[in-house]
Structure formats: C-alpha cells, structure tokens
C-alpha cells in the first residue's frame, strides 16, 4: 500500500493486487452497500490515519476508486462539506475509468515544464506515468482518469504533442524505446525543471 496525502482534505491510496488479496476484496466486488466493502475501506482509512495523519472520523467522505494496471486499486478519499450534497452518514463510492495518454516532446525543457505544471495541479496528477526516449524524442505515457482528459490536453498543447494510437502506440514505445523513468515520471521530471 502506498499513501500520498495530497492536501489536508484529500489522500491518494494505491493498493497492489497483493494488498487487495490480503483484505479479501476485488475491484469488481467493491460496493459500499456491502459490509465487506465498508470494513475494507475502514481498514484502509485506519492505516492512512496512522501513517500520514489523515483524520476521517467525524467527516463525510467522497471515495473515488479505479482499477490499477496490476489488478489493484487506486482510491482517492476527499473530505467534503455537507453542503456539497452527501448524505449525512454515508460515503459515496464512485468508480472511475482510467484512460491512457501519451505525450511526445522534442526536448527535455518542455517535458520538464509540462511535468511541473501537472505537479502544481495535484488533483490532475496521473495515476501512473513512465518516460521513454525514442529517436531523439521523449514519450511520457500516463494513465489518467478519463474525466480529466480535457485538462491534460489543455496544458499539453503548450509543451508537446498528444500521440493517438492507444495501446498500439504504447506497445511500440515500450518495445523500441529506452526506459528513462519507470514510475512517477511526472513527479521525477518536475523536480528537474528550473523555477
């Protein structure tokens, strides 16, 4: 389990397939009406509280969950105000679709600047990101929530080009390209960008 506190009201939790096995639930079985799901989420929140101090007791929570590439799950837990529409004693569990996005950059400077822009907008950070070099170009492969696609492309047009072709383009880059950053590439490249 990896936990990242995005701000005082939001935390991201990534569970591997082994983590999901250990708590005895799968992505497909997640349903907040079921006792097993509620127990699993409460166990996750206890761990989150102990590790990063994210206190959820006494708050209403909005829970976003998506399936990770390895068969695990990615959770976003957000504290919400009652005026934002949640029932007083319930969490809302919403499943999200993950969408692949590939960006091509001619040089490191626009790549780093793009990554810095994404990092400054924490809620738009991709679920996963890897970086490859191929034929004097850089390719950033990101998996993002589908509903964030327009925000990613709006920022992207300033710095590089979106590559279309989905899994075929990704497979080509992964087979013939040189791996530069195998995980959290956006965060790693953002650190290289001069302010």
Protein backbone atom coordinates (compact mmCIF):
# COMPACT_ATOMS: atom_id res chain seq x y z
CA UNK A 1 0.00 0.00 0.00
CA UNK A 2 1.31 3.43 -0.91
CA UNK A 3 -0.27 6.54 0.59
CA UNK A 4 0.11 10.14 -0.56
CA UNK A 5 -1.52 12.99 1.33
CA UNK A 6 -2.39 15.46 -1.44
CA UNK A 7 -3.66 18.15 0.93
CA UNK A 8 -5.44 18.39 4.29
CA UNK A 9 -8.71 17.17 2.75
CA UNK A 10 -7.56 14.62 0.16
CA UNK A 11 -5.42 11.49 0.17
CA UNK A 12 -4.47 9.00 -2.55
CA UNK A 13 -4.04 5.31 -1.69
CA UNK A 14 -2.69 2.74 -4.13
CA UNK A 15 -3.29 -0.92 -3.33
CA UNK A 16 -1.47 -3.64 -5.24
CA UNK A 17 -3.17 -6.89 -6.20
CA UNK A 18 -1.47 -8.48 -3.16
CA UNK A 19 -2.89 -5.74 -0.92
CA UNK A 20 -6.36 -6.40 -2.31
CA UNK A 21 -5.91 -10.14 -1.71
CA UNK A 22 -4.84 -9.51 1.89
CA UNK A 23 -8.01 -7.55 2.67
CA UNK A 24 -10.09 -10.11 0.80
CA UNK A 25 -11.80 -7.95 -1.81
CA UNK A 26 -11.54 -7.20 -5.53
CA UNK A 27 -12.30 -4.07 -7.53
CA UNK A 28 -15.36 -5.76 -9.02
CA UNK A 29 -16.73 -6.58 -5.55
CA UNK A 30 -16.49 -3.02 -4.21
CA UNK A 31 -19.96 -1.86 -3.24
CA UNK A 32 -20.49 0.41 -0.27
CA UNK A 33 -23.82 -1.29 0.45
CA UNK A 34 -21.86 -4.44 1.32
CA UNK A 35 -20.34 -4.97 4.76
CA UNK A 36 -17.08 -6.35 3.28
CA UNK A 37 -16.50 -3.13 1.33
CA UNK A 38 -17.23 -0.92 4.33
CA UNK A 39 -14.87 -2.99 6.51
CA UNK A 40 -12.10 -2.86 3.86
CA UNK A 41 -12.44 0.92 3.47
CA UNK A 42 -12.40 1.42 7.25
CA UNK A 43 -9.21 -0.69 7.50
CA UNK A 44 -7.60 1.40 4.74
CA UNK A 45 -8.62 4.63 6.46
CA UNK A 46 -7.17 3.40 9.79
CA UNK A 47 -3.83 2.76 8.07
CA UNK A 48 -3.97 6.15 6.34
CA UNK A 49 -4.63 7.89 9.67
CA UNK A 50 -1.72 6.08 11.35
CA UNK A 51 0.76 6.71 8.52
CA UNK A 52 0.01 10.26 7.32
CA UNK A 53 -2.33 11.69 9.94
CA UNK A 54 -5.35 11.97 7.64
CA UNK A 55 -8.24 12.05 10.11
CA UNK A 56 -11.56 10.97 8.60
CA UNK A 57 -13.59 10.32 11.75
CA UNK A 58 -16.42 12.83 12.02
CA UNK A 59 -16.18 13.80 8.34
CA UNK A 60 -18.23 12.86 5.32
CA UNK A 61 -16.04 11.29 2.65
CA UNK A 62 -16.21 11.14 -1.11
CA UNK A 63 -14.42 7.98 -2.28
CA UNK A 64 -13.23 7.64 -5.87
CA UNK A 65 -11.84 4.28 -6.91
CA UNK A 66 -10.36 2.95 -10.12
CA UNK A 67 -8.73 -0.28 -11.16
CA UNK A 68 -4.92 -0.18 -11.29
CA UNK A 69 -2.99 -1.72 -14.15
CA UNK A 70 -1.66 -4.57 -11.96
CA UNK A 71 -5.12 -5.61 -10.74
CA UNK A 72 -5.01 -3.49 -7.62
CA UNK A 73 -6.99 -0.30 -6.93
CA UNK A 74 -6.39 3.42 -6.63
CA UNK A 75 -8.50 5.24 -4.05
CA UNK A 76 -8.94 8.97 -3.58
CA UNK A 77 -10.53 9.92 -0.25
CA UNK A 78 -11.82 13.50 -0.03
CA UNK A 79 -13.39 15.18 2.99
CA UNK A 80 -16.49 17.09 1.89
CA UNK A 81 -18.81 19.66 3.36
CA UNK A 82 -22.44 18.67 3.95
CA UNK A 83 -23.45 21.43 1.52
CA UNK A 84 -21.69 19.51 -1.27
CA UNK A 85 -24.52 17.03 -1.34
CA UNK A 86 -23.53 13.86 0.52
CA UNK A 87 -25.96 12.16 2.86
CA UNK A 88 -25.02 12.75 6.47
CA UNK A 89 -23.95 9.22 7.41
CA UNK A 90 -22.74 7.77 4.12
CA UNK A 91 -19.67 7.69 1.95
CA UNK A 92 -20.19 7.98 -1.76
CA UNK A 93 -18.20 5.46 -3.77
CA UNK A 94 -17.66 6.32 -7.42
CA UNK A 95 -15.81 4.16 -9.91
CA UNK A 96 -13.63 5.91 -12.45
CA UNK A 97 -12.32 4.89 -15.86
CA UNK A 98 -8.57 5.05 -16.45
CA UNK A 99 -7.52 6.37 -19.84
CA UNK A 100 -4.04 6.10 -21.43
CA UNK A 101 -2.46 9.32 -22.69
CA UNK A 102 0.88 9.62 -24.49
CA UNK A 103 2.75 12.90 -24.88
CA UNK A 104 5.67 13.47 -27.26
CA UNK A 105 8.33 16.10 -26.53
CA UNK A 106 11.18 17.35 -28.74
CA UNK A 107 13.48 18.13 -25.79
CA UNK A 108 13.80 17.90 -22.03
CA UNK A 109 12.89 21.50 -21.25
CA UNK A 110 9.25 21.40 -22.45
CA UNK A 111 8.88 17.92 -20.92
CA UNK A 112 10.06 19.14 -17.51
CA UNK A 113 7.92 22.27 -17.74
CA UNK A 114 4.84 20.20 -18.60
CA UNK A 115 5.50 17.87 -15.66
CA UNK A 116 5.95 20.86 -13.35
CA UNK A 117 2.58 22.25 -14.49
CA UNK A 118 0.89 18.91 -13.78
CA UNK A 119 2.56 18.60 -10.39
CA UNK A 120 1.40 22.09 -9.41
CA UNK A 121 -2.18 20.95 -10.11
CA UNK A 122 -2.09 17.97 -7.75
CA UNK A 123 -5.60 16.80 -8.50
CA UNK A 124 -4.58 16.26 -12.14
CA UNK A 125 -1.55 14.09 -11.43
CA UNK A 126 -1.76 10.87 -13.45
CA UNK A 127 -2.42 7.57 -11.72
CA UNK A 128 0.79 6.18 -13.26
CA UNK A 129 3.43 7.70 -15.52
CA UNK A 130 6.51 6.34 -17.32
CA UNK A 131 9.04 8.07 -19.57
CA UNK A 132 10.81 6.68 -22.63
CA UNK A 133 13.33 8.04 -25.11
CA UNK A 134 12.99 7.02 -28.77
CA UNK A 135 14.67 8.52 -31.85
CA UNK A 136 15.68 11.83 -30.20
CA UNK A 137 12.19 12.30 -28.74
CA UNK A 138 10.74 11.82 -25.28
CA UNK A 139 7.48 9.97 -24.71
CA UNK A 140 5.54 10.35 -21.49
CA UNK A 141 2.99 7.55 -21.04
CA UNK A 142 0.36 8.43 -18.45
CA UNK A 143 -2.75 6.72 -17.17
CA UNK A 144 -5.29 9.33 -16.14
CA UNK A 145 -8.90 9.50 -15.04
CA UNK A 146 -10.98 9.80 -18.20
CA UNK A 147 -12.90 12.83 -16.91
CA UNK A 148 -9.56 14.72 -16.52
CA UNK A 149 -8.58 14.21 -20.18
CA UNK A 150 -9.57 17.72 -21.30
CA UNK A 151 -7.49 19.32 -18.53
CA UNK A 152 -4.43 17.26 -19.51
CA UNK A 153 -4.73 18.15 -23.18
CA UNK A 154 -5.32 21.85 -22.46
CA UNK A 155 -2.00 22.01 -20.61
CA UNK A 156 -0.29 19.64 -23.09
CA UNK A 157 -0.73 21.76 -26.20
CA UNK A 158 1.67 24.36 -24.82
CA UNK A 159 4.55 21.93 -24.34
CA UNK A 160 4.27 18.91 -26.63
CA UNK A 161 2.04 16.79 -28.82
CA UNK A 162 -0.59 14.22 -27.86
CA UNK A 163 0.02 10.88 -29.56
CA UNK A 164 -3.04 8.92 -30.58
CA UNK A 165 -3.00 5.18 -31.08
CA UNK A 166 -3.66 3.95 -27.57
CA UNK A 167 -2.30 0.52 -26.71
CA UNK A 168 -0.59 0.05 -30.10
CA UNK A 169 1.42 3.27 -29.76
CA UNK A 170 2.21 2.44 -26.13
CA UNK A 171 3.40 -1.08 -27.04
CA UNK A 172 5.65 0.32 -29.81
CA UNK A 173 7.24 2.88 -27.48
CA UNK A 174 7.74 0.32 -24.71
CA UNK A 175 9.31 -2.21 -27.09
CA UNK A 176 11.65 0.08 -29.04
CA UNK A 177 12.20 2.99 -26.65
CA UNK A 178 14.70 3.33 -23.83
CA UNK A 179 13.11 3.47 -20.39
CA UNK A 180 14.12 6.64 -18.53
CA UNK A 181 11.71 6.66 -15.56
CA UNK A 182 9.64 3.59 -14.75
CA UNK A 183 7.22 5.08 -12.22
CA UNK A 184 6.09 8.52 -11.10
CA UNK A 185 7.84 10.00 -14.13
CA UNK A 186 5.82 13.21 -13.91
CA UNK A 187 6.93 13.90 -10.34
CA UNK A 188 10.56 12.97 -11.10
CA UNK A 189 10.80 15.18 -14.20
CA UNK A 190 9.06 18.08 -12.46
CA UNK A 191 11.92 18.18 -9.97
CA UNK A 192 14.41 18.71 -12.82
CA UNK A 193 12.62 21.80 -14.09
CA UNK A 194 14.27 25.08 -13.07
CA UNK A 195 11.90 27.58 -11.47
